[in-house]
Structures are given as structure tokens and as C-alpha cells.
Protein backbone atom coordinates (compact mmCIF):
# COMPACT_ATOMS: atom_id res chain seq x y z
CA MET A 1 -15.15 57.91 38.93
CA LYS A 2 -13.05 57.76 35.79
CA SER A 3 -16.01 56.46 33.73
CA ASN A 4 -18.22 59.30 35.04
CA TRP A 5 -15.64 61.78 33.77
CA THR A 6 -15.51 60.04 30.41
CA ILE A 7 -19.32 60.32 30.00
CA PHE A 8 -19.12 63.99 31.11
CA LEU A 9 -16.41 64.71 28.42
CA VAL A 10 -18.53 62.94 25.73
CA PHE A 11 -21.42 65.18 26.77
CA ILE A 12 -19.29 68.36 26.41
CA ILE A 13 -18.12 67.26 22.97
CA PHE A 14 -21.62 66.46 22.05
CA SER A 15 -22.77 69.96 23.07
CA LEU A 16 -19.96 71.68 21.19
CA LEU A 17 -20.66 69.73 17.98
CA SER A 18 -24.34 70.72 18.29
CA VAL A 19 -23.46 74.38 18.50
CA ILE A 20 -21.01 74.22 15.61
CA CYS A 21 -23.41 72.36 13.39
CA LEU A 22 -26.30 74.69 14.08
CA THR A 23 -24.22 77.84 13.37
CA SER A 24 -22.28 76.55 10.43
CA ASN A 25 -24.92 77.84 7.95
CA GLU A 26 -24.04 81.39 8.89
CA SER A 27 -20.30 80.97 9.14
CA HIS A 28 -20.12 79.15 5.79
CA ALA A 29 -22.54 81.35 3.82
CA ASP A 30 -22.11 81.25 0.07
CA PRO A 31 -20.40 84.44 -1.11
CA LEU A 32 -22.50 84.53 -4.36
CA THR A 33 -25.56 86.80 -4.39
CA ASN A 34 -28.96 85.03 -4.29
CA PHE A 35 -31.53 86.35 -6.57
CA TYR A 36 -35.16 85.44 -5.93
CA LEU A 37 -37.47 85.10 -8.89
CA ASP A 38 -41.21 85.19 -8.09
CA SER A 39 -42.91 82.76 -10.41
CA ASN A 40 -46.32 83.99 -11.70
CA LEU A 41 -47.36 80.39 -11.91
CA GLY A 42 -46.78 80.10 -8.17
CA ILE A 43 -48.59 83.21 -7.06
CA ARG A 44 -52.09 81.93 -6.20
CA ALA A 45 -54.36 82.43 -3.27
CA LEU A 46 -54.38 79.14 -1.40
CA THR A 47 -58.15 78.83 -1.77
CA LYS A 48 -58.05 79.62 -5.52
CA GLN A 49 -55.16 77.55 -6.85
CA SER A 50 -55.88 76.43 -10.36
CA ALA A 51 -55.49 72.87 -11.55
CA VAL A 52 -52.55 74.06 -13.67
CA SER A 53 -50.61 75.52 -10.73
CA THR A 54 -51.36 72.51 -8.55
CA ALA A 55 -50.07 70.14 -11.17
CA ALA A 56 -46.97 72.18 -11.71
CA SER A 57 -46.26 72.41 -8.02
CA GLU A 58 -46.36 68.52 -7.85
CA ASN A 59 -43.14 68.47 -9.82
CA LEU A 60 -41.36 70.88 -7.54
CA VAL A 61 -39.50 69.57 -4.49
CA PRO A 62 -39.23 71.99 -1.51
CA HIS A 63 -35.97 72.80 0.11
CA LYS A 64 -35.20 70.71 3.22
CA SER A 65 -33.61 72.22 6.30
CA PRO A 66 -30.23 70.79 7.43
CA ASN A 67 -30.90 72.18 10.94
CA GLU A 68 -34.25 70.32 11.09
CA ALA A 69 -32.56 67.11 10.01
CA PHE A 70 -29.84 67.69 12.64
CA LEU A 71 -32.44 68.11 15.42
CA TYR A 72 -34.42 65.13 14.27
CA SER A 73 -31.47 62.74 14.50
CA LEU A 74 -30.38 64.40 17.69
CA ALA A 75 -33.66 63.35 19.25
CA ILE A 76 -33.99 59.96 17.54
CA PRO A 77 -30.94 58.76 15.57
CA GLY A 78 -31.83 58.03 11.93
CA MET A 79 -34.80 60.30 11.74
CA GLY A 80 -32.84 63.10 10.00
CA GLN A 81 -31.62 60.68 7.34
CA LEU A 82 -35.20 59.39 6.84
CA TYR A 83 -36.25 63.08 6.53
CA THR A 84 -34.46 63.19 3.16
CA GLY A 85 -35.37 59.62 2.18
CA ALA A 86 -31.94 58.15 3.04
CA LYS A 87 -32.73 54.52 4.09
CA ARG A 88 -29.45 54.26 6.07
CA GLY A 89 -31.36 56.14 8.76
CA TYR A 90 -32.76 52.78 9.78
CA ILE A 91 -29.24 51.67 10.62
CA TYR A 92 -28.85 54.43 13.21
CA THR A 93 -32.29 53.66 14.61
CA ALA A 94 -31.58 49.97 14.81
CA ALA A 95 -28.24 50.75 16.50
CA GLU A 96 -30.00 52.90 18.99
CA VAL A 97 -32.53 50.15 19.93
CA GLY A 98 -29.76 47.57 20.11
CA LEU A 99 -27.50 49.71 22.25
CA LEU A 100 -30.35 50.71 24.71
CA VAL A 101 -31.40 47.04 25.07
CA THR A 102 -27.79 46.03 25.67
CA TYR A 103 -27.43 48.84 28.31
CA PHE A 104 -30.50 47.82 30.31
CA VAL A 105 -29.61 44.07 30.13
CA LEU A 106 -26.04 44.77 31.41
CA ARG A 107 -27.24 47.12 34.10
CA ASN A 108 -29.87 44.76 35.36
CA SER A 109 -27.29 41.94 35.32
CA ALA A 110 -24.85 44.16 37.37
CA VAL A 111 -27.55 45.05 39.93
CA ASN A 112 -28.44 41.37 40.40
CA THR A 113 -24.76 40.38 40.82
CA ARG A 114 -24.23 43.21 43.29
CA ASP A 115 -27.26 42.01 45.32
CA ASP A 116 -25.80 38.47 45.19
CA TYR A 117 -22.43 39.47 46.68
CA ARG A 118 -24.10 41.49 49.38
CA GLU A 119 -26.27 38.56 50.21
CA VAL A 120 -23.18 36.36 50.57
CA VAL A 121 -21.87 38.93 53.09
CA ARG A 122 -25.07 38.96 54.99
CA GLN A 123 -25.32 35.09 55.19
CA ASN A 124 -21.71 34.44 56.19
CA ILE A 125 -20.66 37.19 58.56
CA ILE A 126 -21.10 36.73 62.26
CA PHE A 127 -21.17 39.67 64.69
CA GLU A 128 -19.25 39.52 67.97
CA GLY A 129 -21.19 41.79 70.25
CA PRO A 130 -23.65 44.43 69.06
CA GLY A 131 -23.84 45.05 65.30
CA ASN A 132 -26.21 44.74 62.49
CA PHE A 133 -26.30 45.23 58.75
CA GLU A 134 -28.93 47.97 59.00
CA ALA A 135 -26.22 50.35 60.13
CA TRP A 136 -23.87 49.49 57.30
CA ASP A 137 -23.25 51.81 54.42
CA PRO A 138 -24.72 49.99 51.42
CA ILE A 139 -21.62 50.61 49.32
CA GLU A 140 -18.55 51.36 51.47
CA ASP A 141 -19.05 48.78 54.27
CA PHE A 142 -20.01 45.86 52.02
CA GLU A 143 -17.06 46.55 49.73
CA HIS A 144 -14.74 46.72 52.74
CA ALA A 145 -16.12 43.43 54.09
CA THR A 146 -15.10 41.73 50.84
CA GLN A 147 -11.83 43.69 50.40
CA TYR A 148 -10.01 42.76 53.61
CA GLU A 149 -9.31 39.25 54.91
CA ASN A 150 -8.32 40.57 58.40
CA TRP A 151 -10.67 40.43 61.26
CA ASN A 152 -12.64 43.54 62.17
CA HIS A 153 -11.27 45.88 59.46
CA VAL A 154 -7.82 46.48 60.98
CA TYR A 155 -6.97 48.85 58.10
CA ASP A 156 -10.05 51.06 58.59
CA SER A 157 -10.84 53.98 60.73
CA GLU A 158 -12.33 53.86 64.20
CA GLU A 159 -15.45 55.53 62.85
CA THR A 160 -15.98 52.62 60.36
CA ARG A 161 -15.42 50.01 63.08
CA THR A 162 -17.91 51.75 65.36
CA ARG A 163 -20.53 51.78 62.60
CA THR A 164 -20.10 48.25 61.39
CA GLY A 165 -19.48 46.57 64.78
CA LYS A 166 -17.08 43.66 65.46
CA TRP A 167 -17.56 40.75 63.10
CA TYR A 168 -15.71 37.88 61.38
CA TRP A 169 -16.39 35.43 58.57
CA LYS A 170 -18.03 32.32 60.01
CA ASP A 171 -15.47 29.87 58.48
CA LEU A 172 -12.64 31.60 60.30
CA ASP A 173 -11.46 30.96 63.84
CA PRO A 174 -12.65 34.00 66.01
CA SER A 175 -9.27 33.76 67.92
CA LEU A 176 -7.48 35.04 64.80
CA LYS A 177 -8.82 38.54 65.73
CA ASN A 178 -5.78 38.83 68.01
CA GLU A 179 -3.28 37.50 65.49
CA ARG A 180 -0.78 39.99 64.32
CA ASP A 181 1.68 37.65 62.61
CA SER A 182 1.50 38.51 58.93
CA THR A 183 3.23 35.33 57.96
CA ILE A 184 0.17 33.23 58.92
CA ALA A 185 -1.97 32.69 55.91
CA PHE A 186 -5.70 32.57 56.51
CA ASP A 187 -8.66 33.70 54.48
CA SER A 188 -12.40 33.03 54.17
CA LYS A 189 -13.81 31.13 51.16
CA TYR A 190 -16.96 33.18 51.62
CA ARG A 191 -15.05 36.46 51.43
CA LEU A 192 -13.40 35.28 48.23
CA GLU A 193 -16.78 34.31 46.76
CA ALA A 194 -18.15 37.71 47.70
CA PHE A 195 -15.12 39.50 46.32
CA ASP A 196 -15.32 37.74 42.99
CA LEU A 197 -19.02 38.59 42.71
CA ARG A 198 -18.33 42.22 43.54
CA GLN A 199 -15.61 42.45 40.90
CA LYS A 200 -18.02 40.91 38.35
CA ALA A 201 -20.66 43.42 39.25
CA ASN A 202 -18.29 46.37 38.93
CA ASP A 203 -17.04 45.19 35.53
CA THR A 204 -20.57 44.72 34.34
CA PHE A 205 -21.49 48.28 35.53
CA GLN A 206 -18.45 49.59 33.62
CA SER A 207 -19.60 47.81 30.49
CA ALA A 208 -23.03 49.32 30.79
CA ARG A 209 -21.56 52.83 31.21
CA THR A 210 -19.47 52.17 28.07
CA ILE A 211 -22.58 51.26 26.11
CA LEU A 212 -24.35 54.34 27.42
CA GLY A 213 -21.51 56.41 26.03
CA LEU A 214 -21.96 54.73 22.68
CA VAL A 215 -25.66 55.67 22.74
CA ILE A 216 -24.70 59.28 23.13
CA LEU A 217 -22.08 59.06 20.29
CA ASN A 218 -24.74 57.41 18.07
CA HIS A 219 -27.00 60.50 18.63
CA VAL A 220 -24.09 62.85 17.78
CA PHE A 221 -22.86 60.98 14.73
CA SER A 222 -26.40 60.52 13.41
CA ALA A 223 -27.24 64.24 13.84
CA VAL A 224 -24.01 65.46 12.13
CA GLU A 225 -24.31 62.93 9.29
CA ALA A 226 -28.05 63.85 8.85
CA ARG A 227 -27.08 67.54 8.37
CA ILE A 228 -24.46 66.68 5.78
CA THR A 229 -26.86 64.31 3.96
CA THR A 230 -29.57 67.05 3.84
CA LYS A 231 -27.14 69.57 2.37
CA ARG A 232 -26.10 67.00 -0.29
CA TRP A 233 -29.77 66.29 -0.95
CA ASN A 234 -30.50 69.94 -1.54
CA ALA A 235 -27.44 70.34 -3.82
CA LYS A 236 -28.56 67.33 -5.85
CA GLN A 237 -32.15 68.71 -6.27
CA GLN A 238 -30.71 72.07 -7.30
CA GLN A 239 -28.42 70.30 -9.85
CA GLU A 240 -31.37 68.40 -11.29
CA THR A 241 -33.82 71.31 -11.46
CA GLY A 242 -31.52 74.35 -11.69
CA PHE A 243 -33.38 76.02 -8.85
CA ASN A 244 -33.66 75.91 -5.13
CA LEU A 245 -37.29 75.92 -4.16
CA ASP A 246 -38.83 77.41 -1.01
CA VAL A 247 -42.44 77.86 -0.09
CA LYS A 248 -43.15 81.35 1.36
CA ALA A 249 -46.06 83.51 2.23
CA ASP A 250 -47.02 86.66 0.36
CA ILE A 251 -48.60 89.06 2.87
CA SER A 252 -48.14 92.22 0.78
CA SER A 253 -51.83 92.24 -0.08
CA GLY A 254 -52.80 91.87 3.53
CA THR A 255 -53.96 88.27 3.07
CA LEU A 256 -52.01 85.08 3.42
CA GLU A 257 -51.32 83.65 -0.01
CA GLY A 258 -49.21 80.74 -1.12
CA VAL A 259 -46.16 81.95 -3.12
CA LEU A 260 -43.82 79.61 -4.90
CA VAL A 261 -40.35 81.20 -4.73
CA LEU A 262 -37.65 80.01 -7.13
CA LYS A 263 -34.19 80.64 -5.82
CA LYS A 264 -31.27 80.50 -8.27
CA LYS A 265 -27.62 81.55 -7.95
CA PHE A 266 -26.19 83.67 -10.77
């Protein structure tokens, strides 16, 4: 239950970070006025672009969206970094693959171990009177069978005893069912074997849940880092060219034309 709450809290943090990152462009807007200069070289109908304008546009790098980079890495870690050409994106992608493989391996191992301990219970419990495993709760009753060394669940409710029937571990003397002297030490080696397997299964399930939490964190960290990387990439391009470049559409003439917009801060 505690691990479920942990994953839930990680999900809430993940959602909050997503909202903050997606809205931070508005909340951190640059106070300087942006002036847009329409380049005559860039104003060409898409079907009539000259060789000169085409060659010139090849040297111009369009602005990349930090929000797009965020969403790319949110979906697949590392994709937002690769969107700007940052090779470290492969690290996030490789981490995602490794974590997911580890999660499924651990979970499969936990399921197999859980099945093993339940099989030990089935093979080594003898019913006294009516009773069968078909009526047992697949989680609660099998756990109780491995938890208590006493005959017939003396610490459980009447409802549980009615559902599970009367039983005992086959390496114990059935006459112990009437023993109430707590100083007498007795236990079943089969119960201990099943108990150890159950503990191992629970520990492995917990490890798998921890890995799943790391998978979620990998998405979050990759998305946030991709957004920061894209902003830095845009700033670097502006530093090198002196302009921020966007490709927009000129529909003033009633037709869709390719317009190269040069955006510079004064």
C-alpha cells in the first residue's frame, strides 16, 4: 500500500511539472519588445521560389519549440533532446529501455516466485473434513496459511475459518490442534519454506514497483531537460545569426505564401 502511494505522489509531481513547464513561456516572457522584420528575400510564393531565395533559406535555421521538445521527451525519453540534435538523448532512451526490461524481468520473477509458494501450500496442506483450495482467497488465505504456525488459523475470524476449512501442515501432528500451551515449540518446515518464498516474492514485487517509479521519473527529467536544452539551442542560434527565425504564412493576398520572418530584439 505504501508503494502505491509513492507511485501516486510521483504521478502528481509529474503532472505539476508538466503544467509548470508548458506554461512557463507565458509567465517568463521577455519584457523587451519584439519587432518583426519581413525580409523581401523571404516573401515568395511557394510555387515560385527563386533559386536565390531557396539557397538563402538553406542557411537559415528555423526556431524550435521548447514545448514540442517537452512533449516529445514526455512520450519517449530522449526524443526532445534529439529534436535539437543533442546526442545525450540516446542516454535517456537507453535508460528507458533498460528500466522497462528490468521492470518486466523483476515482475515476471515475482509472479513465478508467488506461484511457487502457493504451490508449496497446495502440496503440503491436508484438510480435516470438508475444504478445498478453490474457495480460498488467492491473496489473503494463502498468505495467512504461511503466516501462522498454529493449526486452523486460531488468530483469524470465524468467517475465514469457515471459508478455508479445517486443515494442518502434513508434517505436523494433527493432535496439536487442541494444544494451547504456548511454551511448546512446533512448526512446519513446509510453512517456513512457503513463508520464505512469499517474502521473496513480495520483495521482488516491491523492487519492480521501484523500477516503475524510476521509469516515470525518467520521462519527467527527460522532458524538463529537453525543454531547457531547446531554449539554450534557440539562444545559441540567435547569438550566432543575430536573428530568431520563424516560418509563417502570408495570407494577406488571399493565397497561402511562404514568408520568412526575421525576429530580432532591439
